[in-house]
C-alpha atoms as a PDB file:
ATOM      1  CA  UNK A   1     -40.155   1.328 -36.698  1.00  0.00           C
ATOM      2  CA  UNK A   2     -37.445  -0.826 -38.261  1.00  0.00           C
ATOM      3  CA  UNK A   3     -34.705   1.250 -36.526  1.00  0.00           C
ATOM      4  CA  UNK A   4     -36.235   1.118 -33.119  1.00  0.00           C
ATOM      5  CA  UNK A   5     -36.702  -2.659 -33.616  1.00  0.00           C
ATOM      6  CA  UNK A   6     -32.818  -2.801 -34.659  1.00  0.00           C
ATOM      7  CA  UNK A   7     -31.669  -0.908 -31.812  1.00  0.00           C
ATOM      8  CA  UNK A   8     -33.360  -2.891 -29.240  1.00  0.00           C
ATOM      9  CA  UNK A   9     -32.177  -6.109 -30.871  1.00  0.00           C
ATOM     10  CA  UNK A  10     -28.567  -4.554 -30.737  1.00  0.00           C
ATOM     11  CA  UNK A  11     -29.201  -3.327 -27.059  1.00  0.00           C
ATOM     12  CA  UNK A  12     -30.374  -6.859 -25.950  1.00  0.00           C
ATOM     13  CA  UNK A  13     -27.312  -8.559 -27.659  1.00  0.00           C
ATOM     14  CA  UNK A  14     -24.871  -6.006 -26.149  1.00  0.00           C
ATOM     15  CA  UNK A  15     -26.072  -6.744 -22.726  1.00  0.00           C
ATOM     16  CA  UNK A  16     -26.088 -10.484 -23.403  1.00  0.00           C
ATOM     17  CA  UNK A  17     -22.361 -10.308 -24.715  1.00  0.00           C
ATOM     18  CA  UNK A  18     -21.595  -8.026 -21.802  1.00  0.00           C
ATOM     19  CA  UNK A  19     -22.871 -10.023 -18.581  1.00  0.00           C
ATOM     20  CA  UNK A  20     -22.974 -13.611 -20.166  1.00  0.00           C
ATOM     21  CA  UNK A  21     -20.749 -14.217 -23.514  1.00  0.00           C
ATOM     22  CA  UNK A  22     -17.611 -12.080 -22.403  1.00  0.00           C
ATOM     23  CA  UNK A  23     -17.131 -13.782 -18.911  1.00  0.00           C
ATOM     24  CA  UNK A  24     -17.463 -17.099 -20.635  1.00  0.00           C
ATOM     25  CA  UNK A  25     -15.243 -16.595 -23.366  1.00  0.00           C
ATOM     26  CA  UNK A  26     -12.675 -14.970 -20.952  1.00  0.00           C
ATOM     27  CA  UNK A  27     -12.851 -18.032 -18.687  1.00  0.00           C
ATOM     28  CA  UNK A  28     -12.276 -20.222 -21.649  1.00  0.00           C
ATOM     29  CA  UNK A  29      -9.132 -18.427 -22.668  1.00  0.00           C
ATOM     30  CA  UNK A  30      -7.767 -18.289 -18.983  1.00  0.00           C
ATOM     31  CA  UNK A  31      -8.244 -21.945 -18.690  1.00  0.00           C
ATOM     32  CA  UNK A  32      -5.757 -22.318 -21.715  1.00  0.00           C
ATOM     33  CA  UNK A  33      -3.486 -19.970 -20.275  1.00  0.00           C
ATOM     34  CA  UNK A  34      -3.307 -21.663 -16.745  1.00  0.00           C
ATOM     35  CA  UNK A  35      -2.058 -24.728 -18.548  1.00  0.00           C
ATOM     36  CA  UNK A  36       0.723 -22.842 -19.949  1.00  0.00           C
ATOM     37  CA  UNK A  37       1.656 -21.157 -16.506  1.00  0.00           C
ATOM     38  CA  UNK A  38       5.127 -21.820 -15.295  1.00  0.00           C
ATOM     39  CA  UNK A  39       5.442 -23.680 -11.748  1.00  0.00           C
ATOM     40  CA  UNK A  40       5.007 -21.495  -8.780  1.00  0.00           C
ATOM     41  CA  UNK A  41       8.076 -21.662  -6.369  1.00  0.00           C
ATOM     42  CA  UNK A  42       6.885 -19.508  -3.619  1.00  0.00           C
ATOM     43  CA  UNK A  43       7.221 -20.800  -0.071  1.00  0.00           C
ATOM     44  CA  UNK A  44       6.001 -19.102   3.215  1.00  0.00           C
ATOM     45  CA  UNK A  45       8.733 -18.345   5.877  1.00  0.00           C
ATOM     46  CA  UNK A  46       6.156 -19.265   8.390  1.00  0.00           C
ATOM     47  CA  UNK A  47       7.662 -16.660  10.829  1.00  0.00           C
ATOM     48  CA  UNK A  48      10.979 -18.329  10.845  1.00  0.00           C
ATOM     49  CA  UNK A  49      13.861 -15.943   9.847  1.00  0.00           C
ATOM     50  CA  UNK A  50      16.314 -17.184   7.161  1.00  0.00           C
ATOM     51  CA  UNK A  51      19.071 -15.964   4.650  1.00  0.00           C
ATOM     52  CA  UNK A  52      16.275 -15.189   2.111  1.00  0.00           C
ATOM     53  CA  UNK A  53      15.195 -12.279   4.472  1.00  0.00           C
ATOM     54  CA  UNK A  54      18.038 -10.143   3.594  1.00  0.00           C
ATOM     55  CA  UNK A  55      16.804  -9.993  -0.021  1.00  0.00           C
ATOM     56  CA  UNK A  56      13.267  -9.151   0.533  1.00  0.00           C
ATOM     57  CA  UNK A  57      12.097  -5.740  -0.648  1.00  0.00           C
ATOM     58  CA  UNK A  58      11.269  -2.984   1.610  1.00  0.00           C
ATOM     59  CA  UNK A  59       7.448  -2.621   2.140  1.00  0.00           C
ATOM     60  CA  UNK A  60       5.344   0.554   3.225  1.00  0.00           C
ATOM     61  CA  UNK A  61       1.760   0.057   3.962  1.00  0.00           C
ATOM     62  CA  UNK A  62      -0.231   3.193   3.776  1.00  0.00           C
ATOM     63  CA  UNK A  63      -3.744   3.672   5.195  1.00  0.00           C
ATOM     64  CA  UNK A  64      -6.024   6.631   4.914  1.00  0.00           C
ATOM     65  CA  UNK A  65      -7.943   6.932   8.065  1.00  0.00           C
ATOM     66  CA  UNK A  66     -11.082   8.922   8.488  1.00  0.00           C
ATOM     67  CA  UNK A  67     -13.325   8.326  11.443  1.00  0.00           C
ATOM     68  CA  UNK A  68     -12.548   4.470  11.486  1.00  0.00           C
ATOM     69  CA  UNK A  69     -12.446   3.908  15.328  1.00  0.00           C
ATOM     70  CA  UNK A  70     -14.867   1.093  15.115  1.00  0.00           C
ATOM     71  CA  UNK A  71     -12.383  -1.108  12.934  1.00  0.00           C
ATOM     72  CA  UNK A  72      -8.871   0.382  13.590  1.00  0.00           C
ATOM     73  CA  UNK A  73      -7.925  -1.828  16.479  1.00  0.00           C
ATOM     74  CA  UNK A  74      -8.752  -4.939  14.722  1.00  0.00           C
ATOM     75  CA  UNK A  75      -6.643  -3.760  11.687  1.00  0.00           C
ATOM     76  CA  UNK A  76      -3.702  -2.847  13.881  1.00  0.00           C
ATOM     77  CA  UNK A  77      -3.872  -6.116  15.542  1.00  0.00           C
ATOM     78  CA  UNK A  78      -3.916  -7.865  11.895  1.00  0.00           C
ATOM     79  CA  UNK A  79      -0.921  -5.888  10.803  1.00  0.00           C
ATOM     80  CA  UNK A  80       1.002  -6.868  14.097  1.00  0.00           C
ATOM     81  CA  UNK A  81       0.596 -10.613  12.927  1.00  0.00           C
ATOM     82  CA  UNK A  82       1.827 -10.083   9.263  1.00  0.00           C
ATOM     83  CA  UNK A  83       4.521 -12.600   8.547  1.00  0.00           C
ATOM     84  CA  UNK A  84       7.321 -10.368   7.088  1.00  0.00           C
ATOM     85  CA  UNK A  85      10.632  -9.032   8.640  1.00  0.00           C
ATOM     86  CA  UNK A  86       9.979  -6.212  10.837  1.00  0.00           C
ATOM     87  CA  UNK A  87      13.136  -4.506   9.619  1.00  0.00           C
ATOM     88  CA  UNK A  88      11.563  -4.381   6.341  1.00  0.00           C
ATOM     89  CA  UNK A  89       8.063  -3.230   6.779  1.00  0.00           C
ATOM     90  CA  UNK A  90       6.712   0.501   7.617  1.00  0.00           C
ATOM     91  CA  UNK A  91       3.158   1.051   8.556  1.00  0.00           C
ATOM     92  CA  UNK A  92       1.812   4.611   7.978  1.00  0.00           C
ATOM     93  CA  UNK A  93      -1.619   5.916   8.932  1.00  0.00           C
ATOM     94  CA  UNK A  94      -2.878   9.150   7.356  1.00  0.00           C
ATOM     95  CA  UNK A  95      -5.486  10.690   9.559  1.00  0.00           C
ATOM     96  CA  UNK A  96      -7.616  12.831   7.308  1.00  0.00           C
ATOM     97  CA  UNK A  97      -9.342  15.385   9.773  1.00  0.00           C
ATOM     98  CA  UNK A  98     -11.107  12.689  12.224  1.00  0.00           C
ATOM     99  CA  UNK A  99     -13.975  13.941  14.332  1.00  0.00           C
ATOM    100  CA  UNK A 100     -13.918  10.549  16.297  1.00  0.00           C
ATOM    101  CA  UNK A 101     -11.167   9.071  18.475  1.00  0.00           C
ATOM    102  CA  UNK A 102      -9.416   7.248  15.623  1.00  0.00           C
ATOM    103  CA  UNK A 103      -6.018   9.000  16.686  1.00  0.00           C
ATOM    104  CA  UNK A 104      -6.502   7.869  20.142  1.00  0.00           C
ATOM    105  CA  UNK A 105      -7.197   4.406  19.246  1.00  0.00           C
ATOM    106  CA  UNK A 106      -3.936   3.977  17.160  1.00  0.00           C
ATOM    107  CA  UNK A 107      -1.848   5.653  19.793  1.00  0.00           C
ATOM    108  CA  UNK A 108      -2.870   2.735  22.189  1.00  0.00           C
ATOM    109  CA  UNK A 109      -1.253   0.399  19.925  1.00  0.00           C
ATOM    110  CA  UNK A 110       2.195   2.176  19.487  1.00  0.00           C
ATOM    111  CA  UNK A 111       3.640   0.486  22.468  1.00  0.00           C
ATOM    112  CA  UNK A 112       2.762  -2.850  20.958  1.00  0.00           C
ATOM    113  CA  UNK A 113       4.309  -1.879  17.450  1.00  0.00           C
ATOM    114  CA  UNK A 114       7.448  -0.604  19.573  1.00  0.00           C
ATOM    115  CA  UNK A 115       7.568  -3.914  21.424  1.00  0.00           C
ATOM    116  CA  UNK A 116       7.485  -6.043  17.901  1.00  0.00           C
ATOM    117  CA  UNK A 117      10.223  -3.591  16.754  1.00  0.00           C
ATOM    118  CA  UNK A 118       8.009  -2.503  13.750  1.00  0.00           C
ATOM    119  CA  UNK A 119       8.029   1.221  12.359  1.00  0.00           C
ATOM    120  CA  UNK A 120       4.372   2.870  12.631  1.00  0.00           C
ATOM    121  CA  UNK A 121       3.893   6.664  11.722  1.00  0.00           C
ATOM    122  CA  UNK A 122       0.926   8.291  12.699  1.00  0.00           C
ATOM    123  CA  UNK A 123       0.365  11.360  10.285  1.00  0.00           C
ATOM    124  CA  UNK A 124      -2.348  13.586  11.785  1.00  0.00           C
ATOM    125  CA  UNK A 125      -4.037  16.184  10.036  1.00  0.00           C
ATOM    126  CA  UNK A 126      -6.941  18.090  11.832  1.00  0.00           C
ATOM    127  CA  UNK A 127      -8.408  19.207   8.679  1.00  0.00           C
ATOM    128  CA  UNK A 128     -10.122  17.139   5.902  1.00  0.00           C
ATOM    129  CA  UNK A 129      -8.388  17.245   2.805  1.00  0.00           C
ATOM    130  CA  UNK A 130      -9.744  14.044   1.055  1.00  0.00           C
ATOM    131  CA  UNK A 131      -8.430  10.393   0.614  1.00  0.00           C
ATOM    132  CA  UNK A 132      -6.334  11.292  -2.625  1.00  0.00           C
ATOM    133  CA  UNK A 133      -4.538  13.853  -0.845  1.00  0.00           C
ATOM    134  CA  UNK A 134      -3.579  11.498   1.972  1.00  0.00           C
ATOM    135  CA  UNK A 135      -2.245   9.134  -0.453  1.00  0.00           C
ATOM    136  CA  UNK A 136      -0.332  11.297  -2.895  1.00  0.00           C
ATOM    137  CA  UNK A 137       1.385  12.821   0.196  1.00  0.00           C
ATOM    138  CA  UNK A 138       2.248   9.701   2.074  1.00  0.00           C
ATOM    139  CA  UNK A 139       3.177   7.717  -1.069  1.00  0.00           C
ATOM    140  CA  UNK A 140       5.561  10.691  -2.111  1.00  0.00           C
ATOM    141  CA  UNK A 141       7.225  10.633   1.097  1.00  0.00           C
ATOM    142  CA  UNK A 142       7.758   6.838   1.361  1.00  0.00           C
ATOM    143  CA  UNK A 143       8.426   6.311  -2.415  1.00  0.00           C
ATOM    144  CA  UNK A 144      12.286   6.712  -2.259  1.00  0.00           C
ATOM    145  CA  UNK A 145      12.368   4.736   1.178  1.00  0.00           C
ATOM    146  CA  UNK A 146      10.420   1.729  -0.217  1.00  0.00           C
ATOM    147  CA  UNK A 147      10.339  -0.873  -2.867  1.00  0.00           C
ATOM    148  CA  UNK A 148       6.655  -1.700  -2.790  1.00  0.00           C
ATOM    149  CA  UNK A 149       3.837   0.477  -1.645  1.00  0.00           C
ATOM    150  CA  UNK A 150       0.765  -1.107  -0.095  1.00  0.00           C
ATOM    151  CA  UNK A 151      -2.539   0.645  -0.013  1.00  0.00           C
ATOM    152  CA  UNK A 152      -5.238  -0.729   2.275  1.00  0.00           C
ATOM    153  CA  UNK A 153      -8.548   0.197   3.672  1.00  0.00           C
ATOM    154  CA  UNK A 154      -8.656  -0.006   7.434  1.00  0.00           C
ATOM    155  CA  UNK A 155     -11.956  -2.148   7.268  1.00  0.00           C
ATOM    156  CA  UNK A 156      -9.885  -4.911   5.175  1.00  0.00           C
ATOM    157  CA  UNK A 157      -7.881  -7.534   7.076  1.00  0.00           C
ATOM    158  CA  UNK A 158      -4.915  -8.803   5.269  1.00  0.00           C
ATOM    159  CA  UNK A 159      -3.669 -12.661   5.243  1.00  0.00           C
ATOM    160  CA  UNK A 160      -0.651 -12.971   7.234  1.00  0.00           C
ATOM    161  CA  UNK A 161       1.933 -13.861   4.291  1.00  0.00           C
ATOM    162  CA  UNK A 162       0.270 -11.393   1.999  1.00  0.00           C
ATOM    163  CA  UNK A 163       3.631  -9.266   2.094  1.00  0.00           C
ATOM    164  CA  UNK A 164       5.722 -12.142   1.205  1.00  0.00           C
ATOM    165  CA  UNK A 165       3.422 -12.800  -1.867  1.00  0.00           C
ATOM    166  CA  UNK A 166       3.480  -9.263  -2.843  1.00  0.00           C
ATOM    167  CA  UNK A 167       7.310  -9.383  -2.635  1.00  0.00           C
ATOM    168  CA  UNK A 168       7.425 -12.677  -4.826  1.00  0.00           C
ATOM    169  CA  UNK A 169       5.088 -11.404  -7.612  1.00  0.00           C
ATOM    170  CA  UNK A 170       6.859  -7.974  -7.846  1.00  0.00           C
ATOM    171  CA  UNK A 171      10.024  -9.787  -8.655  1.00  0.00           C
ATOM    172  CA  UNK A 172       8.658 -10.487 -12.222  1.00  0.00           C
ATOM    173  CA  UNK A 173       9.677  -7.482 -14.374  1.00  0.00           C
ATOM    174  CA  UNK A 174       6.317  -7.006 -16.400  1.00  0.00           C
ATOM    175  CA  UNK A 175       4.104  -6.751 -13.014  1.00  0.00           C
ATOM    176  CA  UNK A 176       3.357  -3.386 -11.506  1.00  0.00           C
ATOM    177  CA  UNK A 177       0.292  -3.954  -9.481  1.00  0.00           C
ATOM    178  CA  UNK A 178      -0.769  -6.848  -7.490  1.00  0.00           C
ATOM    179  CA  UNK A 179      -3.832  -7.410  -5.509  1.00  0.00           C
ATOM    180  CA  UNK A 180      -5.753 -10.192  -3.454  1.00  0.00           C
ATOM    181  CA  UNK A 181      -8.886 -12.142  -3.698  1.00  0.00           C
ATOM    182  CA  UNK A 182     -11.410  -9.687  -1.983  1.00  0.00           C
ATOM    183  CA  UNK A 183     -13.985 -11.566   0.046  1.00  0.00           C
ATOM    184  CA  UNK A 184     -16.825 -10.605   2.296  1.00  0.00           C
ATOM    185  CA  UNK A 185     -16.666 -11.713   5.816  1.00  0.00           C
ATOM    186  CA  UNK A 186     -20.344 -12.311   5.859  1.00  0.00           C
ATOM    187  CA  UNK A 187     -22.569 -12.238   2.381  1.00  0.00           C
ATOM    188  CA  UNK A 188     -25.354 -10.117   2.332  1.00  0.00           C
ATOM    189  CA  UNK A 189     -28.441 -10.950  -0.018  1.00  0.00           C
ATOM    190  CA  UNK A 190     -27.928 -13.625  -2.428  1.00  0.00           C
ATOM    191  CA  UNK A 191     -27.935 -11.084  -5.041  1.00  0.00           C
ATOM    192  CA  UNK A 192     -24.932  -9.459  -3.573  1.00  0.00           C
ATOM    193  CA  UNK A 193     -23.060 -12.908  -3.110  1.00  0.00           C
ATOM    194  CA  UNK A 194     -23.805 -13.747  -6.789  1.00  0.00           C
ATOM    195  CA  UNK A 195     -22.169 -10.203  -7.828  1.00  0.00           C
ATOM    196  CA  UNK A 196     -19.048 -10.543  -5.854  1.00  0.00           C
ATOM    197  CA  UNK A 197     -18.824 -14.143  -7.083  1.00  0.00           C
ATOM    198  CA  UNK A 198     -19.259 -12.777 -10.704  1.00  0.00           C
ATOM    199  CA  UNK A 199     -16.739  -9.997 -10.215  1.00  0.00           C
ATOM    200  CA  UNK A 200     -14.083 -12.300  -8.662  1.00  0.00           C
ATOM    201  CA  UNK A 201     -14.390 -14.922 -11.443  1.00  0.00           C
ATOM    202  CA  UNK A 202     -13.800 -12.093 -14.104  1.00  0.00           C
ATOM    203  CA  UNK A 203     -10.671 -10.643 -12.260  1.00  0.00           C
ATOM    204  CA  UNK A 204      -9.171 -13.945 -11.778  1.00  0.00           C
ATOM    205  CA  UNK A 205      -9.738 -14.581 -15.479  1.00  0.00           C
ATOM    206  CA  UNK A 206      -8.383 -11.073 -16.628  1.00  0.00           C
ATOM    207  CA  UNK A 207      -5.260 -11.625 -14.236  1.00  0.00           C
ATOM    208  CA  UNK A 208      -4.468 -14.818 -16.137  1.00  0.00           C
ATOM    209  CA  UNK A 209      -4.907 -13.582 -19.460  1.00  0.00           C
ATOM    210  CA  UNK A 210      -3.511 -10.015 -19.307  1.00  0.00           C
ATOM    211  CA  UNK A 211      -4.324  -7.448 -16.564  1.00  0.00           C
ATOM    212  CA  UNK A 212      -7.314  -6.818 -14.247  1.00  0.00           C
ATOM    213  CA  UNK A 213      -9.342  -3.861 -14.834  1.00  0.00           C
ATOM    214  CA  UNK A 214      -9.436  -1.904 -11.198  1.00  0.00           C
ATOM    215  CA  UNK A 215      -8.400  -3.916  -8.494  1.00  0.00           C
ATOM    216  CA  UNK A 216     -10.433  -3.493  -5.279  1.00  0.00           C
ATOM    217  CA  UNK A 217      -9.057  -0.448  -3.189  1.00  0.00           C
ATOM    218  CA  UNK A 218      -9.338  -2.806   0.133  1.00  0.00           C
ATOM    219  CA  UNK A 219      -5.682  -3.920  -0.691  1.00  0.00           C
ATOM    220  CA  UNK A 220      -3.266  -3.591  -3.690  1.00  0.00           C
ATOM    221  CA  UNK A 221       0.412  -3.058  -4.072  1.00  0.00           C
ATOM    222  CA  UNK A 222       2.304  -1.051  -6.710  1.00  0.00           C
ATOM    223  CA  UNK A 223       6.165  -1.085  -7.148  1.00  0.00           C
ATOM    224  CA  UNK A 224       7.141   2.152  -5.639  1.00  0.00           C
ATOM    225  CA  UNK A 225       9.561   3.363  -8.341  1.00  0.00           C
ATOM    226  CA  UNK A 226       6.393   3.435 -10.656  1.00  0.00           C
ATOM    227  CA  UNK A 227       4.360   5.643  -8.401  1.00  0.00           C
ATOM    228  CA  UNK A 228       3.193   8.877  -9.884  1.00  0.00           C
ATOM    229  CA  UNK A 229       0.534  11.377  -8.310  1.00  0.00           C
ATOM    230  CA  UNK A 230      -3.090  11.841  -9.451  1.00  0.00           C
ATOM    231  CA  UNK A 231      -5.170  14.817  -9.284  1.00  0.00           C
ATOM    232  CA  UNK A 232      -6.656  15.613  -5.996  1.00  0.00           C
ATOM    233  CA  UNK A 233     -10.177  15.680  -7.332  1.00  0.00           C
ATOM    234  CA  UNK A 234     -10.002  11.947  -8.562  1.00  0.00           C
ATOM    235  CA  UNK A 235     -13.074   9.916  -7.416  1.00  0.00           C
ATOM    236  CA  UNK A 236     -12.072   6.353  -8.079  1.00  0.00           C
ATOM    237  CA  UNK A 237      -8.474   6.473  -6.985  1.00  0.00           C
ATOM    238  CA  UNK A 238      -8.211   2.727  -6.688  1.00  0.00           C
ATOM    239  CA  UNK A 239      -9.044   2.395 -10.286  1.00  0.00           C
ATOM    240  CA  UNK A 240      -6.961   5.392 -11.562  1.00  0.00           C
ATOM    241  CA  UNK A 241      -3.640   4.662  -9.603  1.00  0.00           C
ATOM    242  CA  UNK A 242      -3.173   1.021 -10.914  1.00  0.00           C
ATOM    243  CA  UNK A 243      -4.478   1.776 -14.504  1.00  0.00           C
ATOM    244  CA  UNK A 244      -1.825   4.573 -14.878  1.00  0.00           C
ATOM    245  CA  UNK A 245       0.695   1.664 -14.743  1.00  0.00           C
ATOM    246  CA  UNK A 246      -1.257  -0.487 -16.984  1.00  0.00           C
ATOM    247  CA  UNK A 247      -1.356   2.371 -19.546  1.00  0.00           C
ATOM    248  CA  UNK A 248       2.537   2.342 -19.375  1.00  0.00           C
ATOM    249  CA  UNK A 249       2.706  -1.350 -20.341  1.00  0.00           C
ATOM    250  CA  UNK A 250       2.602  -3.079 -16.671  1.00  0.00           C
ATOM    251  CA  UNK A 251       0.493  -5.868 -15.471  1.00  0.00           C
ATOM    252  CA  UNK A 252      -2.031  -5.603 -12.739  1.00  0.00           C
ATOM    253  CA  UNK A 253      -2.476  -9.036 -11.328  1.00  0.00           C
ATOM    254  CA  UNK A 254      -4.714 -10.964  -8.917  1.00  0.00           C
ATOM    255  CA  UNK A 255      -3.209 -13.555  -6.353  1.00  0.00           C
ATOM    256  CA  UNK A 256      -5.744 -15.791  -4.721  1.00  0.00           C
ATOM    257  CA  UNK A 257      -3.623 -16.580  -1.994  1.00  0.00           C
ATOM    258  CA  UNK A 258      -3.968 -13.008  -0.600  1.00  0.00           C
END
């Protein structure tokens, strides 16, 4: 009976530490680290070309697509508005055996991308092979042609200067992964809103103190030279891809401006 009581007390204390004490301690430590943080010199180009553009890295945005016709038009419009030199930006869509009209929706935007001189590729597969297969194939194809590889979900809209911030943060040698502050367009229940606030606060504190654990798959960037394939049967690819780089000593950070 004493062992049962001990086990119950231990379990309760572990629960309290994980959900309450750990976030509080982490936040206190993060507040101390913020005071030591160097000055941020990032300045948005605001759609105006300048001499700095020549030194910006080449970025490739890769998006796996499976039956995303409902959201694809909004996402492609969003990509056309990104504030980054078009000669340094590639957009690649990997269609994974779609049974809806996702491909047709994307084809309707090809003329607009051509008008903006922005490179876009539609990689269409008639059979469904899974998200990891698409990611491995396209990142491998563009690894040598890019400095930064960006993975994004179709349903996630990107802030217009996100690519500039990715480029700015990736100039730091110890950083291998950068993600943004993932926010819901509309909160669901109070419980859901509280959960996301809890997750965001932990990620922000982790980013300041070291590395975040598992960036949201909606949008994150990695240094292209560091890319390595993962097994095709991986389930949490947005966790495994970044954590492979963290295990090699690189940091995964969150930038709230994205």
